[in-house]
Amino acid sequence: MLEITVFTSGAVLLVLEIVASRVLAPFFGNSVYVWGSLIGVFLAGLTLGYVVGGRVADRWPSPVLFSALVFLAGALTFPIPYVARPLLGALVLAGFGPRAGSLLAAALLFLLPSVVMGTVSPFAVRLRARSVLTVGNVAGVLYALSTLGSILGTLLAAFVLINAFGVRAIIHGLGIILMLLAVAGLLTARRAVAAATAGGLAVALVAGGVAAGPVRAPDGVVFQRDTVYHQITVSDEGRIRYLKLDNYWQSGLDLDDPRRTVFAYSDYLHAPLLLVPRPERVALIGLGGGTVPRRFVEDYPQVQVDVAELDPEVVAAAYRYFDLPRTPRLRVAAQDGRLFLFTSPARYDLILLDAYLIDTIPFHLATREFFALVAARLRPGGVAASNVIGALDGPDSRLFRAIYKTFRSVFPTVYVFPVGWHTYGSAASVRNIIIVGTHEAPLEAAALRARGAALAGTVVRVPGFPDVVASLYPHPIRTEDVPLLTDDYAPVDALIPRR
């Protein structure tokens, strides 16, 4: 039973660590800071647990105490879903930001359970060792079992559990497993009274959770699901339906007027038509709720649209909740955008990139090598465009300026369309910025305005197109103090605007 407990506790620990990212993601995103915080906290907990477990085991080498520690680990794990949402919400409102906030959240929610789980292996070594002559072998075997359990837990969490169950159910199940292990350990040690007590406490804890009911989703939530990539939330606020991935707003749909633009930046992704007015084939990296590809299919009857969206559950949500049309002219692949372009034999008139989030940037979609791949998949005269969230200048501009610098290293002609620049022109404001690149010779602003006037209302029917053209940024972009992003060096998380 001792070996089973060590193996299982190792598995539980790693399942909890991976699932913990889904607990924090709706409030702090899924950035490297979240993962760094979780890994650091769990390692700190294990370190402290090893020390405490070894000392306690030397002083009180009791199987009952060992089982009590296993039970305590389960009792600390089970209620995490009930305290996570209010705690994380309070940390966000307190303004700690994605860095300090994610570290504090990880420590408050997961440090104590990981400390207690860390006591299991050294305590088990003390109980199993019969002689100093064999203690090395005993320690090696038990720590190997714990590590094997951790490997199994990692694979189960990543490949099975998150896809099959909700995060709350997984965490509750981990707590129950540890408490049942403790009861079984006490029964094995013939401690019937202690086992009955532990069993009664476990039942009381679970019954209290059942009585409290499931954690209520916020009002207006139509659909919510955890996937291996995101927590997907579809919610209605009045007559506007929104798609949210983790804590990032992705798409909006007016249920009364589906063609009305909810997020203005989606109109700006029609800016490339200033250079290619009648595209025949368009690729889009990133789907969200499907606002952009749906509009392209509806407005341009000659266009074939290919979309690459990493998360298949996002694709399903777009079809089910955002009326993404099912038509042969719109093909959606559940695939990483870079891999999609790398393996695609097609060539495109337009390639649109809409895969960056405000706190999380897929670095491999922002490097010179990626933009070179984009350029290689364009037809002669083709155009690439990317939606970037950032500022044009000032302290929050470094991410945009680095992406701009990298983009321009591949496309010699680049136009910048900051959303709303014609109405509010602060270069230091964080906003959506559309960059458009081509290998063709640059056109003067007056020529672009003339083209826009000719296209608006005829070829290009989004009502915001005149505003798009008017938002052409007339000033040079500083790039001397930001890095050129490459596959080898792309510190995008450090460049993200601080909030």
Protein backbone atom coordinates (compact mmCIF):
# COMPACT_ATOMS: atom_id res chain seq x y z
CA MET A 1 0.00 0.00 0.00
CA LEU A 2 2.90 2.35 0.73
CA GLU A 3 4.23 2.05 -2.83
CA ILE A 4 0.75 2.59 -4.29
CA THR A 5 0.36 5.75 -2.23
CA VAL A 6 3.73 7.12 -3.34
CA PHE A 7 3.00 6.37 -7.01
CA THR A 8 -0.51 7.83 -6.88
CA SER A 9 0.49 10.97 -5.00
CA GLY A 10 3.15 11.61 -7.64
CA ALA A 11 0.49 11.32 -10.34
CA VAL A 12 -1.94 13.58 -8.46
CA LEU A 13 0.70 16.26 -8.01
CA LEU A 14 1.45 16.58 -11.74
CA VAL A 15 -2.21 16.40 -12.75
CA LEU A 16 -2.89 19.24 -10.33
CA GLU A 17 0.03 21.28 -11.69
CA ILE A 18 -1.17 21.01 -15.28
CA VAL A 19 -4.83 21.60 -14.43
CA ALA A 20 -3.78 24.60 -12.31
CA SER A 21 -3.00 26.46 -15.53
CA ARG A 22 -6.66 26.18 -16.49
CA VAL A 23 -7.67 27.56 -13.09
CA LEU A 24 -5.54 30.68 -13.54
CA ALA A 25 -6.11 31.18 -17.27
CA PRO A 26 -9.56 32.87 -17.10
CA PHE A 27 -8.04 35.63 -14.97
CA PHE A 28 -4.35 35.81 -15.91
CA GLY A 29 -4.16 34.17 -19.31
CA ASN A 30 -1.94 31.33 -20.36
CA SER A 31 1.35 33.16 -20.74
CA VAL A 32 4.86 32.10 -19.80
CA TYR A 33 4.38 34.06 -16.57
CA VAL A 34 1.50 31.81 -15.53
CA TRP A 35 3.46 28.67 -16.29
CA GLY A 36 6.59 30.04 -14.66
CA SER A 37 4.60 30.91 -11.54
CA LEU A 38 3.01 27.47 -11.32
CA ILE A 39 6.23 25.54 -11.90
CA GLY A 40 8.08 27.71 -9.40
CA VAL A 41 5.38 27.37 -6.73
CA PHE A 42 5.06 23.60 -7.13
CA LEU A 43 8.84 23.15 -6.99
CA ALA A 44 9.02 25.40 -3.92
CA GLY A 45 6.26 23.35 -2.32
CA LEU A 46 8.04 20.10 -3.03
CA THR A 47 11.31 21.47 -1.70
CA LEU A 48 9.71 22.52 1.56
CA GLY A 49 7.70 19.30 1.71
CA TYR A 50 10.80 17.15 1.36
CA VAL A 51 12.45 18.92 4.28
CA VAL A 52 9.36 18.87 6.50
CA GLY A 53 8.48 15.28 5.60
CA GLY A 54 11.95 14.01 6.38
CA ARG A 55 12.11 15.73 9.77
CA VAL A 56 8.61 14.72 10.82
CA ALA A 57 9.21 11.12 9.75
CA ASP A 58 12.42 10.88 11.78
CA ARG A 59 10.65 12.20 14.87
CA TRP A 60 7.32 10.39 14.54
CA PRO A 61 7.71 7.44 12.12
CA SER A 62 4.07 6.46 12.35
CA PRO A 63 1.93 4.97 9.54
CA VAL A 64 -1.04 6.81 11.04
CA LEU A 65 0.72 10.16 10.71
CA PHE A 66 1.76 9.25 7.18
CA SER A 67 -1.84 8.55 6.22
CA ALA A 68 -2.93 11.73 7.98
CA LEU A 69 -0.58 13.75 5.76
CA VAL A 70 -1.97 12.06 2.64
CA PHE A 71 -5.48 12.84 3.87
CA LEU A 72 -4.53 16.47 4.55
CA ALA A 73 -3.18 16.80 1.00
CA GLY A 74 -6.54 15.64 -0.34
CA ALA A 75 -8.49 17.87 2.05
CA LEU A 76 -6.47 20.89 0.88
CA THR A 77 -6.95 20.00 -2.80
CA PHE A 78 -10.68 19.27 -2.84
CA PRO A 79 -11.99 22.80 -2.08
CA ILE A 80 -9.71 24.69 -4.50
CA PRO A 81 -12.48 25.24 -7.11
CA TYR A 82 -14.71 26.88 -4.49
CA VAL A 83 -12.15 29.48 -3.43
CA ALA A 84 -10.39 30.02 -6.76
CA ARG A 85 -12.86 32.30 -8.54
CA PRO A 86 -13.43 34.84 -5.74
CA LEU A 87 -9.74 34.84 -4.83
CA LEU A 88 -8.54 35.30 -8.39
CA GLY A 89 -11.15 37.97 -9.05
CA ALA A 90 -9.96 39.88 -5.99
CA LEU A 91 -6.34 39.68 -7.15
CA VAL A 92 -7.26 41.03 -10.58
CA LEU A 93 -9.24 43.91 -9.08
CA ALA A 94 -6.34 44.67 -6.75
CA GLY A 95 -4.25 45.43 -9.84
CA PHE A 96 -1.35 43.05 -9.31
CA GLY A 97 -1.04 42.50 -13.06
CA PRO A 98 -0.29 39.32 -15.02
CA ARG A 99 3.16 38.80 -13.51
CA ALA A 100 2.82 39.41 -9.77
CA GLY A 101 -0.85 38.43 -9.86
CA SER A 102 -0.25 35.00 -11.36
CA LEU A 103 2.61 34.29 -8.95
CA LEU A 104 0.55 35.30 -5.91
CA ALA A 105 -2.46 33.35 -7.16
CA ALA A 106 -0.39 30.21 -7.70
CA ALA A 107 1.10 30.48 -4.22
CA LEU A 108 -2.20 31.08 -2.45
CA LEU A 109 -4.03 28.24 -4.19
CA PHE A 110 -1.41 25.56 -4.68
CA LEU A 111 1.56 26.02 -2.34
CA LEU A 112 0.06 24.28 0.71
CA PRO A 113 -1.22 21.20 -1.17
CA SER A 114 2.14 20.79 -2.92
CA VAL A 115 4.03 21.13 0.39
CA VAL A 116 1.95 18.38 1.98
CA MET A 117 2.25 16.14 -1.09
CA GLY A 118 6.00 16.73 -0.95
CA THR A 119 6.14 15.12 2.49
CA VAL A 120 4.92 11.78 1.17
CA SER A 121 8.08 10.39 -0.46
CA PRO A 122 10.61 11.09 2.34
CA PHE A 123 8.12 9.87 4.94
CA ALA A 124 7.58 6.68 2.93
CA VAL A 125 11.34 6.12 2.75
CA ARG A 126 11.57 6.32 6.54
CA LEU A 127 8.71 3.86 6.99
CA ARG A 128 10.00 1.34 4.43
CA ALA A 129 13.72 1.39 5.29
CA ARG A 130 14.73 -1.36 7.70
CA SER A 131 18.45 -0.71 7.76
CA VAL A 132 20.93 1.98 6.83
CA LEU A 133 22.45 -0.64 4.54
CA THR A 134 19.36 -0.59 2.31
CA VAL A 135 18.11 2.97 2.72
CA GLY A 136 19.66 4.07 -0.58
CA ASN A 137 17.89 1.35 -2.52
CA VAL A 138 14.59 2.04 -0.75
CA ALA A 139 14.85 5.78 -1.45
CA GLY A 140 15.72 5.14 -5.10
CA VAL A 141 12.78 2.79 -5.64
CA LEU A 142 10.23 5.02 -3.92
CA TYR A 143 11.36 8.21 -5.64
CA ALA A 144 11.35 6.32 -8.95
CA LEU A 145 7.75 5.26 -8.27
CA SER A 146 6.82 8.83 -7.45
CA THR A 147 8.42 10.04 -10.68
CA LEU A 148 6.69 7.32 -12.72
CA GLY A 149 3.42 8.44 -11.19
CA SER A 150 4.22 12.00 -12.17
CA ILE A 151 4.89 10.92 -15.75
CA LEU A 152 1.58 9.09 -15.88
CA GLY A 153 -0.22 12.07 -14.33
CA THR A 154 1.30 14.44 -16.87
CA LEU A 155 0.19 12.30 -19.79
CA LEU A 156 -3.26 11.66 -18.34
CA ALA A 157 -3.89 15.34 -17.70
CA ALA A 158 -2.64 16.50 -21.09
CA PHE A 159 -4.13 13.79 -23.29
CA VAL A 160 -7.21 12.53 -21.46
CA LEU A 161 -8.54 14.29 -18.39
CA ILE A 162 -8.83 17.91 -19.55
CA ASN A 163 -10.58 16.78 -22.72
CA ALA A 164 -12.92 14.43 -20.89
CA PHE A 165 -13.79 16.29 -17.68
CA GLY A 166 -14.16 19.81 -16.40
CA VAL A 167 -11.39 21.35 -14.32
CA ARG A 168 -13.56 21.41 -11.19
CA ALA A 169 -14.38 17.71 -11.50
CA ILE A 170 -10.71 16.84 -11.98
CA ILE A 171 -9.57 18.77 -8.90
CA HIS A 172 -12.37 17.37 -6.76
CA GLY A 173 -11.46 13.89 -7.98
CA LEU A 174 -7.79 14.39 -7.06
CA GLY A 175 -8.76 15.40 -3.53
CA ILE A 176 -11.06 12.40 -3.15
CA ILE A 177 -8.39 10.00 -4.44
CA LEU A 178 -5.87 11.21 -1.85
CA MET A 179 -8.40 10.97 0.99
CA LEU A 180 -9.38 7.45 -0.08
CA LEU A 181 -5.71 6.49 -0.19
CA ALA A 182 -5.36 7.68 3.38
CA VAL A 183 -8.35 5.63 4.50
CA ALA A 184 -7.00 2.56 2.70
CA GLY A 185 -3.59 3.07 4.32
CA LEU A 186 -5.14 3.22 7.78
CA LEU A 187 -7.16 0.06 7.11
CA THR A 188 -4.02 -1.70 5.92
CA ALA A 189 -2.30 -0.66 9.14
CA ARG A 190 -5.31 -2.04 11.04
CA ARG A 191 -6.28 1.30 12.44
CA ALA A 192 -10.01 0.90 12.09
CA VAL A 193 -10.99 3.82 14.30
CA ALA A 194 -8.61 6.19 12.53
CA ALA A 195 -9.82 4.91 9.13
CA ALA A 196 -13.45 5.44 10.13
CA THR A 197 -12.63 8.94 11.34
CA ALA A 198 -10.82 9.81 8.12
CA GLY A 199 -13.63 8.33 6.06
CA GLY A 200 -16.19 10.34 8.00
CA LEU A 201 -14.21 13.55 7.48
CA ALA A 202 -13.89 12.82 3.77
CA VAL A 203 -17.63 12.21 3.46
CA ALA A 204 -18.36 15.40 5.38
CA LEU A 205 -16.03 17.42 3.15
CA VAL A 206 -17.52 16.03 -0.06
CA ALA A 207 -21.07 16.40 1.29
CA GLY A 208 -20.32 20.01 2.15
CA GLY A 209 -19.16 20.57 -1.40
CA VAL A 210 -22.29 18.93 -2.79
CA ALA A 211 -24.48 21.02 -0.49
CA ALA A 212 -22.70 24.17 -1.60
CA GLY A 213 -23.60 23.24 -5.16
CA PRO A 214 -21.49 23.66 -8.28
CA VAL A 215 -19.52 26.82 -8.78
CA ARG A 216 -21.95 29.13 -10.56
CA ALA A 217 -20.92 30.49 -13.91
CA PRO A 218 -21.33 34.26 -14.28
CA ASP A 219 -24.73 35.49 -15.44
CA GLY A 220 -25.28 35.32 -19.17
CA VAL A 221 -22.90 32.42 -19.82
CA VAL A 222 -24.29 30.28 -22.63
CA PHE A 223 -21.45 27.82 -22.91
CA GLN A 224 -18.22 27.17 -21.06
CA ARG A 225 -15.66 24.45 -21.58
CA ASP A 226 -12.04 23.79 -20.73
CA THR A 227 -9.90 22.48 -23.56
CA VAL A 228 -6.23 21.61 -23.81
CA TYR A 229 -5.62 25.15 -25.09
CA HIS A 230 -8.16 27.48 -23.46
CA GLN A 231 -11.16 27.94 -21.29
CA ILE A 232 -13.84 28.80 -23.83
CA THR A 233 -16.68 31.02 -22.66
CA VAL A 234 -19.65 32.12 -24.75
CA SER A 235 -21.79 34.71 -23.00
CA ASP A 236 -24.69 37.01 -23.86
CA GLU A 237 -24.73 40.59 -22.64
CA GLY A 238 -28.07 41.95 -23.73
CA ARG A 239 -28.32 41.09 -27.40
CA ILE A 240 -24.56 40.87 -27.96
CA ARG A 241 -22.93 37.46 -27.83
CA TYR A 242 -19.23 37.31 -26.96
CA LEU A 243 -16.55 34.67 -27.28
CA LYS A 244 -13.85 34.70 -24.64
CA LEU A 245 -10.74 32.50 -24.55
CA ASP A 246 -9.29 32.42 -21.05
CA ASN A 247 -9.45 36.12 -20.09
CA TYR A 248 -9.27 37.45 -23.65
CA TRP A 249 -12.25 38.78 -25.57
CA GLN A 250 -12.19 37.32 -29.09
CA SER A 251 -15.37 37.97 -31.02
CA GLY A 252 -18.75 39.63 -30.73
CA LEU A 253 -22.02 38.97 -32.55
CA ASP A 254 -25.10 41.20 -32.57
CA LEU A 255 -27.89 38.65 -32.34
CA ASP A 256 -30.38 41.09 -33.86
CA ASP A 257 -28.08 42.28 -36.65
CA PRO A 258 -25.38 39.65 -37.31
CA ARG A 259 -23.69 41.77 -39.98
CA ARG A 260 -23.11 44.69 -37.65
CA THR A 261 -19.49 45.05 -36.56
CA VAL A 262 -19.07 44.63 -32.80
CA PHE A 263 -15.27 44.82 -32.61
CA ALA A 264 -14.04 47.55 -34.95
CA TYR A 265 -10.72 45.91 -35.72
CA SER A 266 -12.44 43.25 -37.84
CA ASP A 267 -13.38 45.95 -40.39
CA TYR A 268 -9.70 46.93 -40.54
CA LEU A 269 -8.74 43.46 -41.73
CA HIS A 270 -10.33 44.51 -45.05
CA ALA A 271 -7.55 47.09 -45.50
CA PRO A 272 -5.50 44.73 -47.74
CA LEU A 273 -8.22 45.10 -50.37
CA LEU A 274 -6.80 48.55 -51.04
CA LEU A 275 -3.91 46.67 -52.68
CA VAL A 276 -5.72 43.53 -53.91
CA PRO A 277 -9.31 44.64 -54.58
CA ARG A 278 -10.59 41.31 -55.91
CA PRO A 279 -8.84 38.44 -54.14
CA GLU A 280 -9.72 34.91 -55.12
CA ARG A 281 -8.11 33.00 -52.29
CA VAL A 282 -7.63 34.15 -48.70
CA ALA A 283 -5.99 32.43 -45.73
CA LEU A 284 -6.77 33.43 -42.16
CA ILE A 285 -4.72 32.34 -39.16
CA GLY A 286 -7.00 32.41 -36.10
CA LEU A 287 -10.76 31.96 -36.13
CA GLY A 288 -12.31 33.17 -32.88
CA GLY A 289 -16.04 33.40 -33.44
CA GLY A 290 -15.56 33.56 -37.19
CA THR A 291 -16.52 37.23 -37.64
CA VAL A 292 -13.82 37.95 -40.22
CA PRO A 293 -14.10 34.85 -42.44
CA ARG A 294 -17.90 35.00 -42.39
CA ARG A 295 -17.81 38.58 -43.66
CA PHE A 296 -15.32 37.72 -46.40
CA VAL A 297 -17.49 34.83 -47.59
CA GLU A 298 -20.65 36.96 -47.55
CA ASP A 299 -19.20 40.09 -49.16
CA TYR A 300 -16.86 38.65 -51.78
CA PRO A 301 -18.59 35.89 -53.75
CA GLN A 302 -15.44 35.06 -55.71
CA VAL A 303 -13.36 34.31 -52.60
CA GLN A 304 -12.28 30.94 -51.23
CA VAL A 305 -11.36 31.32 -47.54
CA ASP A 306 -9.08 28.85 -45.73
CA VAL A 307 -8.84 29.19 -41.95
CA ALA A 308 -6.38 27.64 -39.52
CA GLU A 309 -7.54 27.54 -35.90
CA LEU A 310 -5.49 25.70 -33.30
CA ASP A 311 -8.33 24.63 -31.00
CA PRO A 312 -11.01 22.35 -32.53
CA GLU A 313 -13.41 23.31 -29.73
CA VAL A 314 -13.18 26.96 -30.81
CA VAL A 315 -14.15 25.82 -34.31
CA ALA A 316 -17.14 23.94 -32.91
CA ALA A 317 -18.21 26.97 -30.84
CA ALA A 318 -17.98 29.26 -33.88
CA TYR A 319 -20.31 27.01 -35.86
CA ARG A 320 -22.72 26.44 -32.99
CA TYR A 321 -22.95 29.84 -31.35
CA PHE A 322 -21.75 32.39 -33.92
CA ASP A 323 -23.43 31.19 -37.11
CA LEU A 324 -20.23 30.45 -38.97
CA PRO A 325 -21.53 29.40 -42.39
CA ARG A 326 -21.07 25.89 -43.67
CA THR A 327 -20.12 26.40 -47.28
CA PRO A 328 -17.53 24.91 -49.63
CA ARG A 329 -16.06 28.41 -49.94
CA LEU A 330 -15.05 28.38 -46.26
CA ARG A 331 -12.76 25.60 -45.08
CA VAL A 332 -11.55 25.47 -41.48
CA ALA A 333 -8.61 23.35 -40.37
CA ALA A 334 -8.05 22.65 -36.66
CA GLN A 335 -4.32 23.16 -36.93
CA ASP A 336 -1.52 25.45 -35.83
CA GLY A 337 -1.27 28.36 -38.25
CA ARG A 338 2.42 27.99 -38.97
CA LEU A 339 2.10 24.26 -39.57
CA PHE A 340 -0.91 24.94 -41.81
CA LEU A 341 1.07 27.31 -44.03
CA PHE A 342 4.12 25.06 -43.98
CA THR A 343 2.17 22.06 -45.27
CA SER A 344 -0.25 23.91 -47.56
CA PRO A 345 0.39 23.63 -51.30
CA ALA A 346 -1.93 26.60 -51.94
CA ARG A 347 -0.93 30.16 -52.78
CA TYR A 348 -3.00 33.07 -51.57
CA ASP A 349 -3.83 36.62 -52.61
CA LEU A 350 -4.28 37.60 -48.96
CA ILE A 351 -2.98 36.04 -45.76
CA LEU A 352 -4.49 37.53 -42.60
CA LEU A 353 -3.05 36.88 -39.15
CA ASP A 354 -5.45 37.29 -36.22
CA ALA A 355 -3.87 35.05 -33.59
CA TYR A 356 -2.29 37.46 -31.10
CA LEU A 357 -3.87 38.09 -27.70
CA ILE A 358 -3.22 41.07 -25.47
CA ASP A 359 -1.26 39.07 -22.87
CA THR A 360 -0.24 36.00 -24.84
CA ILE A 361 1.64 35.99 -28.13
CA PRO A 362 2.40 32.71 -29.94
CA PHE A 363 6.03 33.64 -30.50
CA HIS A 364 6.40 31.28 -33.45
CA LEU A 365 3.77 33.36 -35.29
CA ALA A 366 5.73 36.58 -34.81
CA THR A 367 9.22 35.75 -36.04
CA ARG A 368 11.09 36.62 -39.20
CA GLU A 369 11.07 32.97 -40.24
CA PHE A 370 7.29 32.83 -39.94
CA PHE A 371 6.74 36.01 -41.92
CA ALA A 372 9.11 34.64 -44.57
CA LEU A 373 6.88 31.54 -44.75
CA VAL A 374 3.84 33.81 -45.13
CA ALA A 375 5.55 35.65 -47.97
CA ALA A 376 6.40 32.35 -49.68
CA ARG A 377 2.71 31.35 -49.65
CA LEU A 378 1.55 34.55 -51.37
CA ARG A 379 0.84 34.82 -55.06
CA PRO A 380 2.71 37.53 -57.00
CA GLY A 381 1.32 40.85 -55.82
CA GLY A 382 -0.18 39.21 -52.74
CA VAL A 383 -0.59 40.95 -49.41
CA ALA A 384 -0.14 39.89 -45.78
CA ALA A 385 -1.77 41.59 -42.80
CA SER A 386 -1.60 41.12 -39.06
CA ASN A 387 -3.66 42.34 -36.13
CA VAL A 388 -1.38 43.45 -33.29
CA ILE A 389 -2.47 44.82 -29.91
CA GLY A 390 -0.18 47.55 -28.65
CA ALA A 391 0.76 51.20 -28.89
CA LEU A 392 2.47 53.05 -31.71
CA ASP A 393 4.89 54.81 -29.37
CA GLY A 394 5.55 55.22 -25.68
CA PRO A 395 6.09 52.69 -22.89
CA ASP A 396 3.50 50.20 -24.17
CA SER A 397 4.74 50.19 -27.77
CA ARG A 398 7.69 47.80 -27.65
CA LEU A 399 5.77 44.69 -28.70
CA PHE A 400 4.13 46.37 -31.67
CA ARG A 401 7.35 48.03 -32.77
CA ALA A 402 9.26 44.72 -32.53
CA ILE A 403 6.63 42.93 -34.63
CA TYR A 404 6.60 45.84 -37.08
CA LYS A 405 10.39 45.72 -37.36
CA THR A 406 10.28 41.97 -37.97
CA PHE A 407 7.40 42.24 -40.43
CA ARG A 408 9.22 44.92 -42.39
CA SER A 409 12.37 42.82 -42.57
CA VAL A 410 10.37 40.51 -44.87
CA PHE A 411 7.95 42.92 -46.56
CA PRO A 412 9.66 46.06 -47.86
CA THR A 413 6.39 48.00 -48.11
CA VAL A 414 4.35 48.16 -44.90
CA TYR A 415 1.26 50.24 -44.13
CA VAL A 416 0.00 50.78 -40.57
CA PHE A 417 -3.69 51.23 -39.75
CA PRO A 418 -4.26 51.94 -36.03
CA VAL A 419 -7.90 51.32 -35.16
CA GLY A 420 -9.62 54.63 -34.50
CA TRP A 421 -6.60 56.78 -35.39
CA HIS A 422 -8.82 59.20 -37.32
CA THR A 423 -10.90 59.90 -34.20
CA TYR A 424 -8.38 59.67 -31.37
CA GLY A 425 -4.76 59.99 -32.26
CA SER A 426 -2.69 59.31 -29.15
CA ALA A 427 0.28 57.22 -30.25
CA ALA A 428 0.73 55.96 -26.67
CA SER A 429 -2.75 54.40 -26.46
CA VAL A 430 -2.97 50.60 -26.52
CA ARG A 431 -5.26 49.51 -29.35
CA ASN A 432 -5.60 47.10 -32.24
CA ILE A 433 -3.17 47.96 -35.00
CA ILE A 434 -3.37 46.38 -38.44
CA ILE A 435 -0.11 46.16 -40.36
CA VAL A 436 -0.27 45.41 -44.07
CA GLY A 437 2.77 44.23 -46.01
CA THR A 438 3.60 43.67 -49.67
CA HIS A 439 6.56 43.39 -51.99
CA GLU A 440 5.01 45.93 -54.36
CA ALA A 441 6.20 49.53 -54.55
CA PRO A 442 4.65 51.82 -51.91
CA LEU A 443 1.68 54.03 -52.73
CA GLU A 444 1.22 57.57 -51.47
CA ALA A 445 -1.50 58.23 -48.90
CA ALA A 446 -3.49 60.22 -51.46
CA ALA A 447 -3.49 57.28 -53.86
CA LEU A 448 -4.69 54.93 -51.11
CA ARG A 449 -7.47 57.33 -50.16
CA ALA A 450 -8.57 57.51 -53.79
CA ARG A 451 -8.64 53.73 -54.01
CA GLY A 452 -10.58 53.53 -50.77
CA ALA A 453 -13.18 56.00 -52.01
CA ALA A 454 -13.60 53.99 -55.20
CA LEU A 455 -13.95 50.66 -53.37
CA ALA A 456 -16.14 51.74 -50.43
CA GLY A 457 -19.74 50.68 -50.78
CA THR A 458 -19.14 48.78 -54.01
CA VAL A 459 -16.36 46.21 -53.81
CA VAL A 460 -15.82 46.62 -50.05
CA ARG A 461 -19.13 46.74 -48.24
CA VAL A 462 -18.12 46.92 -44.57
CA PRO A 463 -19.58 50.23 -43.40
CA GLY A 464 -16.41 51.11 -41.50
CA PHE A 465 -14.15 51.00 -44.56
CA PRO A 466 -13.88 54.80 -44.99
CA ASP A 467 -12.67 54.98 -41.38
CA VAL A 468 -10.12 52.25 -42.10
CA VAL A 469 -8.62 54.24 -44.96
CA ALA A 470 -8.65 57.45 -42.92
CA SER A 471 -6.67 55.73 -40.17
CA LEU A 472 -3.52 55.23 -42.23
CA TYR A 473 -0.67 56.18 -39.88
CA PRO A 474 1.42 58.95 -41.44
CA HIS A 475 4.48 58.89 -39.16
CA PRO A 476 7.58 56.67 -39.14
CA ILE A 477 7.79 53.87 -36.56
CA ARG A 478 10.85 53.80 -34.30
CA THR A 479 12.54 50.41 -34.25
CA GLU A 480 16.12 51.03 -33.18
CA ASP A 481 15.52 50.04 -29.54
CA VAL A 482 13.47 46.84 -30.09
CA PRO A 483 14.70 43.40 -31.17
CA LEU A 484 14.21 41.69 -34.49
CA LEU A 485 12.17 38.61 -33.55
CA THR A 486 13.54 35.28 -34.74
CA ASP A 487 12.91 31.64 -33.94
CA ASP A 488 16.10 31.77 -31.90
CA TYR A 489 15.26 34.95 -29.98
CA ALA A 490 11.70 36.18 -29.56
CA PRO A 491 11.15 37.64 -26.05
CA VAL A 492 7.54 38.54 -26.79
CA ASP A 493 6.29 38.06 -23.22
CA ALA A 494 8.75 40.66 -21.96
CA LEU A 495 7.55 43.11 -24.65
CA ILE A 496 3.82 42.81 -23.92
CA PRO A 497 2.24 46.07 -22.68
CA ARG A 498 1.93 46.10 -18.89
CA ARG A 499 -1.56 46.47 -17.52
